[in-house]
Amino acid sequence: MKSFLLAIPKGVPTIIMLAVILFFTFHPNPLGIKSLRIFPYAEQVGHFVLYFFAALVFILDYAKSRLPHHSKLNKEIAIATVTAVLSFIMELGLMIATNGYNYDISNVFAASLGALLAFLFYHYWLYHPLRHYLYHSVQHHWRYQHKRKKKKYRRFKL
């Protein structure tokens, strides 16, 4: 059974997630709510959730491109870090693009925490089940069938 995740070309989820981040960052009222202060720290929770899913999508896109090999831990950490830095850049861009926006470091902290927890969630909980699911769906794919030569053990007589 072929996985539906393999049908998605490499890089497309990353581009879609970047478009979602840009939309939610620069749209004045993305959800159509009159006041974003639904509950205390609602904006920080929104940043946490958005960048949690962004980091998770970026890491999963990278891990899918590495199949059938394992993804590298240092690159997963780098992707989560780049996602956290992206939140800082988006806050600065929002401050420059709009005159009435006040920079809030707690938004960047919440987004960085979301990216860190996405990395931990992926690496400690999602890594092996997802790899097992994807690897077994590609192991019969023509691109991954390698003809391996069997080692011949020869006994030499002296």
N, C-alpha and C. Protein backbone atom coordinates (compact mmCIF):
# COMPACT_ATOMS: atom_id res chain seq x y z
N MET A 1 0.84 -1.18 0.00
CA MET A 1 0.00 0.00 0.00
C MET A 1 0.89 1.24 0.00
N LYS A 2 0.67 2.11 -0.95
CA LYS A 2 1.49 3.31 -1.08
C LYS A 2 0.99 4.39 -0.14
N SER A 3 1.91 5.08 0.48
CA SER A 3 1.57 6.13 1.42
C SER A 3 1.16 7.39 0.67
N PHE A 4 0.14 8.07 1.18
CA PHE A 4 -0.27 9.31 0.55
C PHE A 4 0.74 10.42 0.79
N LEU A 5 1.57 10.28 1.83
CA LEU A 5 2.59 11.29 2.10
C LEU A 5 3.68 11.29 1.05
N LEU A 6 3.91 10.15 0.43
CA LEU A 6 4.94 10.09 -0.60
C LEU A 6 4.49 10.71 -1.91
N ALA A 7 3.20 10.88 -2.09
CA ALA A 7 2.69 11.48 -3.31
C ALA A 7 2.91 12.99 -3.34
N ILE A 8 3.14 13.59 -2.19
CA ILE A 8 3.37 15.03 -2.11
C ILE A 8 4.82 15.31 -2.47
N PRO A 9 5.08 16.16 -3.46
CA PRO A 9 6.46 16.45 -3.85
C PRO A 9 7.24 17.13 -2.73
N LYS A 10 8.55 16.94 -2.76
CA LYS A 10 9.42 17.53 -1.75
C LYS A 10 9.37 19.05 -1.84
N GLY A 11 9.24 19.69 -0.71
CA GLY A 11 9.25 21.14 -0.63
C GLY A 11 7.88 21.79 -0.66
N VAL A 12 6.87 21.10 -1.16
CA VAL A 12 5.53 21.69 -1.24
C VAL A 12 4.94 21.97 0.14
N PRO A 13 5.02 21.03 1.11
CA PRO A 13 4.50 21.36 2.45
C PRO A 13 5.22 22.54 3.08
N THR A 14 6.51 22.68 2.83
CA THR A 14 7.27 23.80 3.38
C THR A 14 6.78 25.11 2.79
N ILE A 15 6.55 25.14 1.49
CA ILE A 15 6.08 26.37 0.84
C ILE A 15 4.68 26.73 1.33
N ILE A 16 3.83 25.72 1.46
CA ILE A 16 2.47 25.98 1.94
C ILE A 16 2.50 26.51 3.37
N MET A 17 3.36 25.94 4.21
CA MET A 17 3.45 26.39 5.61
C MET A 17 4.00 27.81 5.69
N LEU A 18 4.97 28.14 4.83
CA LEU A 18 5.48 29.52 4.82
C LEU A 18 4.39 30.50 4.39
N ALA A 19 3.55 30.10 3.44
CA ALA A 19 2.44 30.96 3.02
C ALA A 19 1.44 31.14 4.16
N VAL A 20 1.18 30.09 4.92
CA VAL A 20 0.27 30.20 6.07
C VAL A 20 0.85 31.14 7.12
N ILE A 21 2.15 31.03 7.38
CA ILE A 21 2.81 31.92 8.35
C ILE A 21 2.73 33.37 7.89
N LEU A 22 3.01 33.60 6.62
CA LEU A 22 2.93 34.98 6.10
C LEU A 22 1.51 35.52 6.18
N PHE A 23 0.52 34.68 5.88
CA PHE A 23 -0.86 35.12 5.96
C PHE A 23 -1.24 35.50 7.39
N PHE A 24 -0.95 34.61 8.34
CA PHE A 24 -1.33 34.88 9.73
C PHE A 24 -0.52 36.02 10.34
N THR A 25 0.68 36.27 9.81
CA THR A 25 1.50 37.35 10.36
C THR A 25 1.05 38.71 9.85
N PHE A 26 0.83 38.84 8.56
CA PHE A 26 0.61 40.16 7.98
C PHE A 26 -0.85 40.51 7.72
N HIS A 27 -1.77 39.59 7.86
CA HIS A 27 -3.19 39.92 7.71
C HIS A 27 -3.66 40.60 8.99
N PRO A 28 -4.36 41.73 8.88
CA PRO A 28 -4.73 42.45 10.10
C PRO A 28 -5.70 41.68 11.01
N ASN A 29 -6.60 40.92 10.44
CA ASN A 29 -7.55 40.15 11.25
C ASN A 29 -7.76 38.79 10.57
N PRO A 30 -6.83 37.85 10.75
CA PRO A 30 -6.89 36.61 9.96
C PRO A 30 -8.07 35.71 10.27
N LEU A 31 -8.56 35.71 11.48
CA LEU A 31 -9.65 34.82 11.84
C LEU A 31 -11.00 35.51 11.86
N GLY A 32 -11.05 36.80 11.58
CA GLY A 32 -12.30 37.53 11.56
C GLY A 32 -12.87 37.80 12.94
N ILE A 33 -12.02 37.81 13.94
CA ILE A 33 -12.46 38.06 15.31
C ILE A 33 -12.26 39.54 15.60
N LYS A 34 -13.24 40.16 16.26
CA LYS A 34 -13.14 41.59 16.54
C LYS A 34 -12.02 41.90 17.50
N SER A 35 -11.82 41.06 18.48
CA SER A 35 -10.75 41.27 19.44
C SER A 35 -9.98 39.96 19.61
N LEU A 36 -8.68 40.02 19.46
CA LEU A 36 -7.87 38.81 19.58
C LEU A 36 -7.68 38.41 21.03
N ARG A 37 -8.04 39.26 21.95
CA ARG A 37 -7.90 38.96 23.37
C ARG A 37 -9.09 38.12 23.85
N ILE A 38 -9.16 36.88 23.37
CA ILE A 38 -10.23 35.97 23.76
C ILE A 38 -10.04 35.57 25.22
N PHE A 39 -8.82 35.28 25.58
CA PHE A 39 -8.44 34.98 26.95
C PHE A 39 -7.03 35.51 27.13
N PRO A 40 -6.56 35.64 28.35
CA PRO A 40 -5.21 36.16 28.55
C PRO A 40 -4.18 35.29 27.83
N TYR A 41 -3.24 35.90 27.18
CA TYR A 41 -2.16 35.24 26.44
C TYR A 41 -2.66 34.43 25.25
N ALA A 42 -3.77 34.83 24.66
CA ALA A 42 -4.30 34.12 23.48
C ALA A 42 -3.35 34.29 22.29
N GLU A 43 -2.75 35.46 22.17
CA GLU A 43 -1.83 35.70 21.07
C GLU A 43 -0.59 34.80 21.18
N GLN A 44 -0.09 34.62 22.39
CA GLN A 44 1.08 33.76 22.60
C GLN A 44 0.73 32.30 22.32
N VAL A 45 -0.47 31.88 22.69
CA VAL A 45 -0.90 30.51 22.40
C VAL A 45 -1.01 30.31 20.89
N GLY A 46 -1.50 31.32 20.19
CA GLY A 46 -1.57 31.26 18.73
C GLY A 46 -0.19 31.14 18.09
N HIS A 47 0.76 31.92 18.60
CA HIS A 47 2.13 31.81 18.10
C HIS A 47 2.72 30.43 18.38
N PHE A 48 2.47 29.92 19.58
CA PHE A 48 2.97 28.60 19.95
C PHE A 48 2.43 27.54 19.00
N VAL A 49 1.13 27.54 18.76
CA VAL A 49 0.51 26.52 17.91
C VAL A 49 0.98 26.65 16.46
N LEU A 50 1.02 27.88 15.95
CA LEU A 50 1.43 28.10 14.57
C LEU A 50 2.85 27.62 14.32
N TYR A 51 3.78 28.00 15.19
CA TYR A 51 5.17 27.63 14.97
C TYR A 51 5.47 26.19 15.39
N PHE A 52 4.64 25.60 16.25
CA PHE A 52 4.75 24.17 16.53
C PHE A 52 4.48 23.38 15.26
N PHE A 53 3.35 23.70 14.60
CA PHE A 53 3.02 22.98 13.37
C PHE A 53 3.96 23.33 12.23
N ALA A 54 4.46 24.56 12.20
CA ALA A 54 5.41 24.94 11.15
C ALA A 54 6.70 24.13 11.28
N ALA A 55 7.25 24.06 12.49
CA ALA A 55 8.48 23.28 12.69
C ALA A 55 8.25 21.81 12.42
N LEU A 56 7.09 21.30 12.81
CA LEU A 56 6.77 19.90 12.57
C LEU A 56 6.67 19.61 11.07
N VAL A 57 6.04 20.49 10.32
CA VAL A 57 5.93 20.31 8.87
C VAL A 57 7.30 20.39 8.22
N PHE A 58 8.14 21.34 8.64
CA PHE A 58 9.47 21.46 8.05
C PHE A 58 10.32 20.22 8.34
N ILE A 59 10.27 19.72 9.57
CA ILE A 59 11.06 18.54 9.93
C ILE A 59 10.53 17.30 9.20
N LEU A 60 9.22 17.15 9.11
CA LEU A 60 8.66 15.99 8.42
C LEU A 60 8.97 16.03 6.92
N ASP A 61 8.98 17.22 6.34
CA ASP A 61 9.33 17.34 4.93
C ASP A 61 10.79 16.94 4.70
N TYR A 62 11.66 17.35 5.62
CA TYR A 62 13.06 16.95 5.53
C TYR A 62 13.22 15.44 5.72
N ALA A 63 12.53 14.88 6.71
CA ALA A 63 12.66 13.45 7.00
C ALA A 63 12.12 12.60 5.84
N LYS A 64 11.06 13.07 5.21
CA LYS A 64 10.50 12.33 4.07
C LYS A 64 11.47 12.33 2.90
N SER A 65 12.20 13.42 2.73
CA SER A 65 13.15 13.50 1.62
C SER A 65 14.37 12.62 1.85
N ARG A 66 14.62 12.22 3.07
CA ARG A 66 15.78 11.39 3.39
C ARG A 66 15.50 9.90 3.25
N LEU A 67 14.25 9.51 3.05
CA LEU A 67 13.94 8.08 2.97
C LEU A 67 14.71 7.43 1.84
N PRO A 68 15.14 6.24 1.96
CA PRO A 68 14.96 5.28 3.04
C PRO A 68 15.99 5.41 4.15
N HIS A 69 16.81 6.46 4.11
CA HIS A 69 17.83 6.65 5.14
C HIS A 69 17.25 7.39 6.33
N HIS A 70 17.96 7.35 7.44
CA HIS A 70 17.54 8.08 8.64
C HIS A 70 17.81 9.56 8.46
N SER A 71 16.98 10.39 9.08
CA SER A 71 17.25 11.83 9.08
C SER A 71 18.29 12.12 10.15
N LYS A 72 19.01 13.20 9.97
CA LYS A 72 20.10 13.52 10.87
C LYS A 72 19.61 14.44 12.00
N LEU A 73 20.06 14.14 13.21
CA LEU A 73 19.62 14.87 14.39
C LEU A 73 20.04 16.33 14.34
N ASN A 74 21.28 16.61 13.92
CA ASN A 74 21.73 18.00 13.90
C ASN A 74 20.96 18.83 12.89
N LYS A 75 20.50 18.22 11.78
CA LYS A 75 19.71 18.98 10.82
C LYS A 75 18.30 19.21 11.33
N GLU A 76 17.76 18.26 12.09
CA GLU A 76 16.44 18.48 12.70
C GLU A 76 16.50 19.62 13.71
N ILE A 77 17.56 19.66 14.51
CA ILE A 77 17.74 20.77 15.46
C ILE A 77 17.89 22.09 14.70
N ALA A 78 18.64 22.08 13.60
CA ALA A 78 18.83 23.29 12.81
C ALA A 78 17.50 23.77 12.21
N ILE A 79 16.67 22.85 11.77
CA ILE A 79 15.37 23.23 11.20
C ILE A 79 14.49 23.85 12.28
N ALA A 80 14.48 23.28 13.49
CA ALA A 80 13.70 23.86 14.58
C ALA A 80 14.24 25.23 14.96
N THR A 81 15.55 25.40 14.93
CA THR A 81 16.15 26.70 15.25
C THR A 81 15.81 27.74 14.19
N VAL A 82 15.85 27.34 12.93
CA VAL A 82 15.49 28.26 11.85
C VAL A 82 14.03 28.68 11.97
N THR A 83 13.18 27.77 12.39
CA THR A 83 11.77 28.12 12.60
C THR A 83 11.63 29.14 13.72
N ALA A 84 12.40 28.98 14.79
CA ALA A 84 12.35 29.95 15.89
C ALA A 84 12.88 31.31 15.43
N VAL A 85 13.94 31.31 14.63
CA VAL A 85 14.48 32.56 14.10
C VAL A 85 13.48 33.20 13.13
N LEU A 86 12.77 32.37 12.39
CA LEU A 86 11.73 32.88 11.49
C LEU A 86 10.66 33.65 12.26
N SER A 87 10.33 33.20 13.46
CA SER A 87 9.34 33.93 14.27
C SER A 87 9.87 35.31 14.65
N PHE A 88 11.14 35.40 14.97
CA PHE A 88 11.76 36.68 15.30
C PHE A 88 11.75 37.60 14.08
N ILE A 89 12.09 37.05 12.90
CA ILE A 89 12.10 37.85 11.67
C ILE A 89 10.69 38.33 11.32
N MET A 90 9.70 37.48 11.53
CA MET A 90 8.31 37.88 11.25
C MET A 90 7.86 38.99 12.20
N GLU A 91 8.26 38.92 13.46
CA GLU A 91 7.91 39.99 14.40
C GLU A 91 8.58 41.31 13.99
N LEU A 92 9.84 41.25 13.57
CA LEU A 92 10.51 42.47 13.11
C LEU A 92 9.87 43.00 11.83
N GLY A 93 9.52 42.10 10.92
CA GLY A 93 8.86 42.52 9.68
C GLY A 93 7.51 43.15 9.95
N LEU A 94 6.79 42.62 10.91
CA LEU A 94 5.49 43.18 11.28
C LEU A 94 5.67 44.55 11.93
N MET A 95 6.71 44.71 12.72
CA MET A 95 6.97 46.00 13.35
C MET A 95 7.33 47.06 12.30
N ILE A 96 8.07 46.66 11.27
CA ILE A 96 8.47 47.60 10.23
C ILE A 96 7.30 47.89 9.29
N ALA A 97 6.53 46.85 8.94
CA ALA A 97 5.45 47.02 7.96
C ALA A 97 4.27 47.81 8.51
N THR A 98 3.99 47.66 9.79
CA THR A 98 2.86 48.39 10.38
C THR A 98 3.39 49.37 11.41
N ASN A 99 2.82 50.55 11.40
CA ASN A 99 3.29 51.57 12.33
C ASN A 99 2.71 51.39 13.73
N GLY A 100 1.54 50.80 13.84
CA GLY A 100 0.88 50.71 15.13
C GLY A 100 1.19 49.44 15.91
N TYR A 101 2.10 48.60 15.42
CA TYR A 101 2.38 47.34 16.10
C TYR A 101 3.51 47.53 17.10
N ASN A 102 3.29 47.04 18.30
CA ASN A 102 4.33 47.07 19.32
C ASN A 102 4.98 45.70 19.40
N TYR A 103 6.30 45.68 19.34
CA TYR A 103 7.06 44.43 19.39
C TYR A 103 6.89 43.80 20.77
N ASP A 104 6.61 42.49 20.77
CA ASP A 104 6.43 41.77 22.02
C ASP A 104 7.32 40.55 22.03
N ILE A 105 8.27 40.51 22.94
CA ILE A 105 9.22 39.41 23.01
C ILE A 105 8.56 38.11 23.45
N SER A 106 7.42 38.21 24.14
CA SER A 106 6.74 36.98 24.58
C SER A 106 6.17 36.20 23.39
N ASN A 107 5.84 36.89 22.29
CA ASN A 107 5.40 36.18 21.08
C ASN A 107 6.54 35.35 20.50
N VAL A 108 7.73 35.93 20.47
CA VAL A 108 8.89 35.21 19.96
C VAL A 108 9.24 34.05 20.89
N PHE A 109 9.14 34.27 22.18
CA PHE A 109 9.42 33.20 23.14
C PHE A 109 8.42 32.04 22.97
N ALA A 110 7.14 32.36 22.80
CA ALA A 110 6.13 31.32 22.62
C ALA A 110 6.36 30.56 21.31
N ALA A 111 6.72 31.27 20.26
CA ALA A 111 7.00 30.61 18.97
C ALA A 111 8.24 29.73 19.05
N SER A 112 9.27 30.21 19.75
CA SER A 112 10.48 29.40 19.91
C SER A 112 10.21 28.16 20.75
N LEU A 113 9.40 28.31 21.76
CA LEU A 113 9.02 27.16 22.58
C LEU A 113 8.20 26.16 21.75
N GLY A 114 7.33 26.65 20.89
CA GLY A 114 6.57 25.77 20.01
C GLY A 114 7.48 25.01 19.05
N ALA A 115 8.50 25.68 18.49
CA ALA A 115 9.43 25.01 17.59
C ALA A 115 10.26 23.96 18.33
N LEU A 116 10.69 24.28 19.55
CA LEU A 116 11.45 23.33 20.35
C LEU A 116 10.61 22.11 20.71
N LEU A 117 9.38 22.33 21.12
CA LEU A 117 8.53 21.20 21.48
C LEU A 117 8.13 20.38 20.25
N ALA A 118 8.05 21.00 19.09
CA ALA A 118 7.79 20.24 17.86
C ALA A 118 8.95 19.31 17.56
N PHE A 119 10.17 19.80 17.75
CA PHE A 119 11.34 18.93 17.56
C PHE A 119 11.31 17.78 18.54
N LEU A 120 11.06 18.06 19.80
CA LEU A 120 11.02 17.00 20.82
C LEU A 120 9.89 16.01 20.55
N PHE A 121 8.73 16.53 20.15
CA PHE A 121 7.59 15.68 19.83
C PHE A 121 7.92 14.75 18.67
N TYR A 122 8.55 15.31 17.64
CA TYR A 122 8.91 14.49 16.49
C TYR A 122 9.97 13.46 16.86
N HIS A 123 11.01 13.91 17.51
CA HIS A 123 12.15 13.03 17.73
C HIS A 123 11.87 11.92 18.74
N TYR A 124 11.12 12.22 19.79
CA TYR A 124 10.92 11.22 20.84
C TYR A 124 9.60 10.45 20.73
N TRP A 125 8.66 10.93 19.92
CA TRP A 125 7.41 10.22 19.86
C TRP A 125 7.02 9.82 18.44
N LEU A 126 7.24 10.68 17.47
CA LEU A 126 6.73 10.47 16.12
C LEU A 126 7.75 9.85 15.18
N TYR A 127 9.02 9.89 15.51
CA TYR A 127 10.08 9.49 14.60
C TYR A 127 9.96 8.04 14.14
N HIS A 128 9.95 7.10 15.07
CA HIS A 128 9.95 5.69 14.71
C HIS A 128 8.62 5.21 14.11
N PRO A 129 7.45 5.57 14.66
CA PRO A 129 6.21 5.13 13.99
C PRO A 129 6.07 5.70 12.58
N LEU A 130 6.44 6.96 12.38
CA LEU A 130 6.31 7.55 11.06
C LEU A 130 7.29 6.93 10.09
N ARG A 131 8.51 6.72 10.53
CA ARG A 131 9.51 6.10 9.68
C ARG A 131 9.09 4.68 9.31
N HIS A 132 8.55 3.95 10.27
CA HIS A 132 8.08 2.59 10.00
C HIS A 132 6.95 2.62 8.97
N TYR A 133 6.03 3.56 9.12
CA TYR A 133 4.91 3.68 8.19
C TYR A 133 5.38 4.05 6.80
N LEU A 134 6.27 5.04 6.70
CA LEU A 134 6.73 5.48 5.39
C LEU A 134 7.70 4.50 4.76
N TYR A 135 8.58 3.92 5.56
CA TYR A 135 9.60 3.05 4.99
C TYR A 135 8.97 1.78 4.40
N HIS A 136 7.99 1.23 5.07
CA HIS A 136 7.36 0.03 4.55
C HIS A 136 6.51 0.33 3.33
N SER A 137 6.14 1.58 3.14
CA SER A 137 5.37 1.90 1.94
C SER A 137 6.29 2.17 0.76
N VAL A 138 7.58 2.48 1.01
CA VAL A 138 8.48 2.74 -0.11
C VAL A 138 9.44 1.60 -0.37
N GLN A 139 9.50 0.63 0.47
CA GLN A 139 10.53 -0.39 0.27
C GLN A 139 10.29 -1.20 -1.00
N HIS A 140 9.07 -1.22 -1.51
CA HIS A 140 8.80 -1.92 -2.75
C HIS A 140 8.78 -0.98 -3.96
N HIS A 141 9.06 0.28 -3.73
CA HIS A 141 9.07 1.25 -4.82
C HIS A 141 10.30 1.00 -5.68
N TRP A 142 10.17 1.21 -6.99
CA TRP A 142 11.27 0.89 -7.91
C TRP A 142 12.51 1.71 -7.62
N ARG A 143 12.33 2.92 -7.11
CA ARG A 143 13.47 3.80 -6.88
C ARG A 143 14.33 3.32 -5.73
N TYR A 144 13.74 2.57 -4.81
CA TYR A 144 14.47 2.16 -3.62
C TYR A 144 14.91 0.70 -3.66
N GLN A 145 14.68 0.03 -4.76
CA GLN A 145 15.11 -1.36 -4.84
C GLN A 145 16.54 -1.39 -5.34
N HIS A 146 17.42 -1.74 -4.47
CA HIS A 146 18.83 -1.84 -4.80
C HIS A 146 19.19 -3.32 -4.90
N LYS A 147 19.93 -3.62 -5.89
CA LYS A 147 20.38 -4.99 -6.00
C LYS A 147 21.65 -5.12 -5.17
N ARG A 148 21.49 -5.75 -4.09
CA ARG A 148 22.64 -5.94 -3.21
C ARG A 148 23.30 -7.27 -3.51
N LYS A 149 24.57 -7.21 -3.55
CA LYS A 149 25.31 -8.45 -3.78
C LYS A 149 25.51 -9.14 -2.44
N LYS A 150 25.26 -10.39 -2.46
CA LYS A 150 25.48 -11.15 -1.25
C LYS A 150 26.96 -11.46 -1.11
N LYS A 151 27.40 -11.36 0.11
CA LYS A 151 28.79 -11.67 0.37
C LYS A 151 28.98 -13.18 0.29
N LYS A 152 30.01 -13.54 -0.38
CA LYS A 152 30.34 -14.96 -0.47
C LYS A 152 31.47 -15.26 0.51
N TYR A 153 31.21 -16.17 1.33
CA TYR A 153 32.24 -16.57 2.27
C TYR A 153 32.99 -17.75 1.69
N ARG A 154 34.20 -17.53 1.42
CA ARG A 154 35.04 -18.58 0.84
C ARG A 154 36.01 -19.09 1.88
N ARG A 155 36.18 -20.34 1.83
CA ARG A 155 37.16 -20.95 2.71
C ARG A 155 38.40 -21.23 1.89
N PHE A 156 39.45 -20.69 2.36
CA PHE A 156 40.70 -20.91 1.68
C PHE A 156 41.45 -22.09 2.31
N LYS A 157 41.96 -22.92 1.46
CA LYS A 157 42.73 -24.05 1.95
C LYS A 157 44.19 -23.72 1.82
N LEU A 158 44.90 -24.00 2.84
CA LEU A 158 46.34 -23.76 2.79
C LEU A 158 47.11 -24.99 2.46
